Amino acid sequence: MADSSTGKKTLMDRFLSTIERGGNALPEPATLFAILAFLVIVISGITSLFDISVIHPGTGETVRPVNLFSVKGIHLILENLVVNFTSFAPLGTVLVSLLGYWCCRGKWFDKRRIEIIGIIRSKKAVNFCNYFCRNFVKYGK
């Protein structure tokens, strides 16, 4: 701990302050997810241009990169989107947590935005969610 009488910070305080500044510089979680997803698409396009391949250690098969930055790759992403999201169990927890995070921050949780992104289709459910968030969630602003 830092000695408050002298004002000097210990090495641990400086280290934790640096980590906090780095964490505060990160964008919103959804934006970070979108950036990383786009980065994967671009890297797959670049690596598919070169003759890169690896040997799968379990099966011994040769694995080559798939160009996701092409029409065929975009079709592959869109066709397998639901299966990828539903087959990865921890993702459901993450998405629900993000929805709660946005709700508590007061972002993304008004009628028009919910209806536009299609999270909730029923008008009654949208009204209930708005009522709940407006009356029971403390925004801390």
Protein backbone atom coordinates (compact mmCIF):
# COMPACT_ATOMS: atom_id res chain seq x y z
CA MET A 1 0.00 0.00 0.00
CA ALA A 2 1.11 3.54 -0.61
CA ASP A 3 2.05 5.61 2.37
CA SER A 4 -0.48 8.44 2.32
CA SER A 5 1.66 10.72 4.50
CA THR A 6 4.57 10.86 2.05
CA GLY A 7 2.58 10.50 -1.17
CA LYS A 8 5.01 7.96 -2.62
CA LYS A 9 3.56 5.05 -4.54
CA THR A 10 4.93 1.59 -4.19
CA LEU A 11 5.93 -0.53 -7.15
CA MET A 12 2.68 -2.50 -6.85
CA ASP A 13 0.58 0.71 -6.89
CA ARG A 14 2.33 1.92 -10.03
CA PHE A 15 1.89 -1.49 -11.66
CA LEU A 16 -1.83 -1.60 -10.84
CA SER A 17 -2.29 2.00 -12.02
CA THR A 18 -0.70 1.09 -15.35
CA ILE A 19 -3.02 -1.90 -15.74
CA GLU A 20 -6.03 0.26 -14.86
CA ARG A 21 -5.10 2.90 -17.45
CA GLY A 22 -4.72 0.17 -20.07
CA GLY A 23 -8.09 -1.34 -19.17
CA ASN A 24 -9.79 2.04 -19.29
CA ALA A 25 -8.38 2.63 -22.77
CA LEU A 26 -10.16 -0.45 -24.16
CA PRO A 27 -13.37 0.07 -26.16
CA GLU A 28 -16.80 -1.32 -25.23
CA PRO A 29 -16.93 -5.15 -25.16
CA ALA A 30 -19.17 -5.42 -28.23
CA THR A 31 -16.89 -3.10 -30.19
CA LEU A 32 -13.87 -5.11 -29.10
CA PHE A 33 -15.60 -8.32 -30.22
CA ALA A 34 -16.43 -6.79 -33.63
CA ILE A 35 -12.87 -5.53 -34.11
CA LEU A 36 -11.37 -8.93 -33.26
CA ALA A 37 -13.87 -10.75 -35.51
CA PHE A 38 -12.97 -8.45 -38.41
CA LEU A 39 -9.28 -8.95 -37.66
CA VAL A 40 -9.72 -12.74 -37.91
CA ILE A 41 -11.43 -12.31 -41.30
CA VAL A 42 -8.62 -10.11 -42.60
CA ILE A 43 -5.88 -12.44 -41.29
CA SER A 44 -7.61 -15.44 -42.90
CA GLY A 45 -7.63 -13.58 -46.21
CA ILE A 46 -3.94 -12.73 -45.95
CA THR A 47 -2.84 -16.22 -44.90
CA SER A 48 -4.88 -17.86 -47.66
CA LEU A 49 -2.86 -15.89 -50.24
CA PHE A 50 0.30 -17.73 -49.22
CA ASP A 51 0.84 -21.46 -49.34
CA ILE A 52 0.59 -21.93 -45.57
CA SER A 53 -0.44 -25.22 -44.03
CA VAL A 54 -0.01 -27.06 -40.76
CA ILE A 55 -0.29 -30.67 -39.70
CA HIS A 56 -3.05 -31.43 -37.19
CA PRO A 57 -1.26 -33.15 -34.28
CA GLY A 58 -4.20 -35.42 -33.44
CA THR A 59 -5.18 -36.68 -36.88
CA GLY A 60 -2.09 -35.98 -38.97
CA GLU A 61 -4.21 -34.19 -41.62
CA THR A 62 -2.97 -31.11 -43.43
CA VAL A 63 -4.94 -27.99 -42.44
CA ARG A 64 -5.03 -24.97 -44.76
CA PRO A 65 -6.52 -21.55 -44.00
CA VAL A 66 -9.96 -20.70 -45.39
CA ASN A 67 -10.29 -17.26 -46.97
CA LEU A 68 -13.15 -15.64 -45.04
CA PHE A 69 -12.51 -12.37 -46.88
CA SER A 70 -14.15 -13.65 -50.08
CA VAL A 71 -17.73 -14.20 -51.23
CA LYS A 72 -17.43 -17.90 -50.48
CA GLY A 73 -15.99 -17.10 -47.04
CA ILE A 74 -18.79 -14.65 -46.21
CA HIS A 75 -21.33 -17.31 -47.24
CA LEU A 76 -19.53 -19.80 -44.99
CA ILE A 77 -19.71 -17.38 -42.06
CA LEU A 78 -23.39 -16.59 -42.56
CA GLU A 79 -24.44 -20.20 -43.15
CA ASN A 80 -22.72 -21.43 -39.97
CA LEU A 81 -23.43 -18.40 -37.79
CA VAL A 82 -26.27 -19.88 -35.75
CA VAL A 83 -24.56 -23.26 -35.34
CA ASN A 84 -21.34 -21.58 -34.15
CA PHE A 85 -23.16 -19.43 -31.60
CA THR A 86 -25.43 -22.17 -30.27
CA SER A 87 -22.80 -24.93 -30.12
CA PHE A 88 -20.37 -22.89 -28.00
CA ALA A 89 -21.88 -23.12 -24.51
CA PRO A 90 -19.98 -20.29 -22.74
CA LEU A 91 -21.06 -17.79 -25.38
CA GLY A 92 -24.64 -17.75 -24.10
CA THR A 93 -23.41 -16.68 -20.68
CA VAL A 94 -21.22 -14.00 -22.20
CA LEU A 95 -24.03 -12.59 -24.35
CA VAL A 96 -26.46 -12.48 -21.42
CA SER A 97 -23.78 -10.77 -19.33
CA LEU A 98 -23.22 -8.19 -22.07
CA LEU A 99 -26.95 -7.54 -22.31
CA GLY A 100 -27.06 -6.97 -18.56
CA TYR A 101 -24.01 -4.73 -18.76
CA TRP A 102 -25.60 -2.57 -21.46
CA CYS A 103 -28.83 -2.48 -19.50
CA CYS A 104 -27.11 -1.25 -16.35
CA ARG A 105 -25.07 1.30 -18.26
CA GLY A 106 -28.23 2.70 -19.82
CA LYS A 107 -27.04 1.97 -23.34
CA TRP A 108 -28.76 -0.12 -25.99
CA PHE A 109 -31.82 -0.52 -23.87
CA ASP A 110 -34.57 1.62 -25.24
CA LYS A 111 -37.57 0.49 -27.25
CA ARG A 112 -36.38 1.48 -30.69
CA ARG A 113 -32.91 -0.06 -30.39
CA ILE A 114 -34.23 -3.34 -29.02
CA GLU A 115 -36.78 -3.58 -31.80
CA ILE A 116 -34.18 -2.70 -34.46
CA ILE A 117 -31.58 -5.28 -33.37
CA GLY A 118 -34.34 -7.86 -32.87
CA ILE A 119 -33.47 -9.08 -29.40
CA ILE A 120 -37.08 -8.95 -28.27
CA ARG A 121 -39.94 -9.15 -30.77
CA SER A 122 -42.96 -8.74 -28.48
CA LYS A 123 -44.05 -5.16 -27.69
CA LYS A 124 -45.16 -6.25 -24.19
CA ALA A 125 -41.73 -7.75 -23.50
CA VAL A 126 -40.01 -4.57 -24.72
CA ASN A 127 -42.23 -2.44 -22.48
CA PHE A 128 -41.57 -4.73 -19.50
CA CYS A 129 -37.79 -4.60 -20.05
CA ASN A 130 -37.87 -0.81 -20.31
CA TYR A 131 -39.99 -0.52 -17.17
CA PHE A 132 -37.70 -2.91 -15.30
CA CYS A 133 -34.52 -1.13 -16.31
CA ARG A 134 -35.85 2.34 -15.73
CA ASN A 135 -37.32 1.60 -12.30
CA PHE A 136 -35.18 -1.14 -10.74
CA VAL A 137 -31.69 -0.62 -12.12
CA LYS A 138 -29.57 2.06 -10.54
CA TYR A 139 -27.54 3.70 -13.28
CA GLY A 140 -25.04 5.42 -11.02
CA LYS A 141 -25.04 8.60 -13.05
